């Protein structure tokens, strides 16, 4: 089976030896994604919901490159550094996924860099979603 690797160009991908997403067959696995741009600059500092929205659009771009859509997402994992941000981040997740409603976990976790408030992972199965 062929493995397709997708990169978003962040400095950490090369440093840590990982891909933004990997597609194998009809499955796509998106790595933990933070609100940093291709140069590693944090977007939406201090705004957990803004970071979540930025991350979800970054995940959508990786899914598109892999031939998937948000409708194909079957599982997400959300990590927040401040538990008081859980509802704002959950609402951003709900705005993005609407009626798709993938399986989801949200937990508090320590982030790798100061200012990062949210990290999100996603798993998708191409063709499993309804037309968006």
Protein backbone atom coordinates (compact mmCIF):
# COMPACT_ATOMS: atom_id res chain seq x y z
CA UNK A 1 0.00 0.00 0.00
CA UNK A 2 1.30 3.46 -0.87
CA UNK A 3 2.01 6.00 1.87
CA UNK A 4 1.44 9.68 1.02
CA UNK A 5 3.08 12.24 3.28
CA UNK A 6 1.71 15.77 3.57
CA UNK A 7 3.74 18.65 4.99
CA UNK A 8 2.72 22.13 6.08
CA UNK A 9 6.33 23.29 6.12
CA UNK A 10 6.62 24.10 9.81
CA UNK A 11 10.17 23.84 11.19
CA UNK A 12 9.15 21.13 13.67
CA UNK A 13 8.21 18.58 10.99
CA UNK A 14 11.80 18.24 9.74
CA UNK A 15 13.27 18.60 13.23
CA UNK A 16 11.16 15.83 14.77
CA UNK A 17 10.85 13.67 11.64
CA UNK A 18 7.08 13.68 11.20
CA UNK A 19 4.49 14.62 8.60
CA UNK A 20 1.54 16.99 9.05
CA UNK A 21 -0.59 14.13 7.75
CA UNK A 22 -0.13 10.64 6.34
CA UNK A 23 -2.53 8.88 3.99
CA UNK A 24 -2.46 5.10 3.69
CA UNK A 25 -5.21 3.64 1.53
CA UNK A 26 -8.40 5.48 2.36
CA UNK A 27 -7.24 6.53 5.85
CA UNK A 28 -5.71 9.91 6.73
CA UNK A 29 -4.01 10.64 10.05
CA UNK A 30 -3.35 14.30 10.87
CA UNK A 31 -0.64 14.97 13.46
CA UNK A 32 -1.12 17.18 16.46
CA UNK A 33 -1.51 20.63 14.93
CA UNK A 34 -0.92 23.97 16.61
CA UNK A 35 -1.67 27.53 15.55
CA UNK A 36 1.74 28.20 14.04
CA UNK A 37 2.39 29.28 10.48
CA UNK A 38 5.01 27.85 8.10
CA UNK A 39 7.73 29.99 9.73
CA UNK A 40 6.74 28.76 13.20
CA UNK A 41 5.09 32.03 14.28
CA UNK A 42 2.20 31.61 16.71
CA UNK A 43 -1.14 32.88 15.42
CA UNK A 44 -3.89 34.35 17.66
CA UNK A 45 -1.80 34.70 20.84
CA UNK A 46 -3.94 34.59 23.98
CA UNK A 47 -7.08 33.54 22.03
CA UNK A 48 -7.80 29.82 22.40
CA UNK A 49 -10.88 29.90 20.13
CA UNK A 50 -8.92 31.81 17.46
CA UNK A 51 -6.11 29.26 17.69
CA UNK A 52 -8.62 26.40 17.39
CA UNK A 53 -10.18 27.93 14.26
CA UNK A 54 -6.73 28.49 12.72
CA UNK A 55 -5.77 24.89 13.51
CA UNK A 56 -8.97 23.46 12.06
CA UNK A 57 -8.37 25.32 8.77
CA UNK A 58 -4.79 24.04 8.76
CA UNK A 59 -6.10 20.50 9.27
CA UNK A 60 -8.64 21.03 6.46
CA UNK A 61 -5.81 22.02 4.10
CA UNK A 62 -3.89 18.83 4.97
CA UNK A 63 -7.04 16.75 4.48
CA UNK A 64 -7.64 18.34 1.07
CA UNK A 65 -4.08 17.61 -0.02
CA UNK A 66 -4.62 13.99 1.05
CA UNK A 67 -7.88 13.76 -0.94
CA UNK A 68 -10.19 13.94 2.08
CA UNK A 69 -12.66 16.48 3.46
CA UNK A 70 -13.85 17.48 6.91
CA UNK A 71 -16.88 15.24 6.27
CA UNK A 72 -14.50 12.24 6.25
CA UNK A 73 -13.16 12.96 9.76
CA UNK A 74 -14.14 10.20 12.17
CA UNK A 75 -12.10 11.17 15.25
CA UNK A 76 -10.49 14.27 16.74
CA UNK A 77 -8.36 14.78 19.81
CA UNK A 78 -8.20 18.26 21.31
CA UNK A 79 -5.63 19.38 23.87
CA UNK A 80 -5.95 22.68 25.75
CA UNK A 81 -3.33 24.16 28.05
CA UNK A 82 -5.88 26.09 30.14
CA UNK A 83 -8.92 24.06 31.16
CA UNK A 84 -10.99 27.24 31.37
CA UNK A 85 -10.69 27.46 27.54
CA UNK A 86 -12.42 24.12 26.98
CA UNK A 87 -15.84 25.57 26.11
CA UNK A 88 -14.57 28.21 23.67
CA UNK A 89 -12.44 25.58 21.94
CA UNK A 90 -15.30 23.06 21.94
CA UNK A 91 -17.57 25.69 20.33
CA UNK A 92 -14.97 26.34 17.60
CA UNK A 93 -14.78 22.58 17.00
CA UNK A 94 -18.59 22.46 16.80
CA UNK A 95 -18.67 25.37 14.32
CA UNK A 96 -16.23 23.55 12.07
CA UNK A 97 -17.64 20.03 12.26
CA UNK A 98 -21.34 20.96 12.54
CA UNK A 99 -23.40 17.87 11.73
CA UNK A 100 -20.33 15.70 10.96
CA UNK A 101 -19.87 15.07 14.68
CA UNK A 102 -16.74 12.88 14.78
CA UNK A 103 -15.76 10.99 17.90
CA UNK A 104 -13.84 13.44 20.07
CA UNK A 105 -11.68 13.74 23.16
CA UNK A 106 -10.74 17.02 24.85
CA UNK A 107 -8.15 17.08 27.64
CA UNK A 108 -5.92 19.56 29.41
CA UNK A 109 -2.25 19.15 28.52
CA UNK A 110 0.98 21.07 28.74
CA UNK A 111 1.97 22.53 25.37
CA UNK A 112 5.46 22.43 23.94
CA UNK A 113 5.88 26.21 23.63
CA UNK A 114 4.65 29.22 25.60
CA UNK A 115 1.54 30.82 24.14
CA UNK A 116 0.28 27.66 22.46
CA UNK A 117 -3.14 27.12 23.96
CA UNK A 118 -4.57 24.40 21.71
CA UNK A 119 -3.40 21.35 19.75
CA UNK A 120 -5.71 19.18 17.63
CA UNK A 121 -5.30 15.80 15.89
CA UNK A 122 -7.71 14.27 13.37
CA UNK A 123 -8.28 10.88 11.74
CA UNK A 124 -10.31 10.52 8.55
CA UNK A 125 -11.58 7.70 6.37
CA UNK A 126 -12.01 8.89 2.80
CA UNK A 127 -15.50 8.24 1.50
CA UNK A 128 -17.03 7.74 4.95
CA UNK A 129 -18.62 11.17 5.14
CA UNK A 130 -21.77 12.59 3.75
CA UNK A 131 -21.44 15.18 1.02
CA UNK A 132 -20.57 18.48 2.67
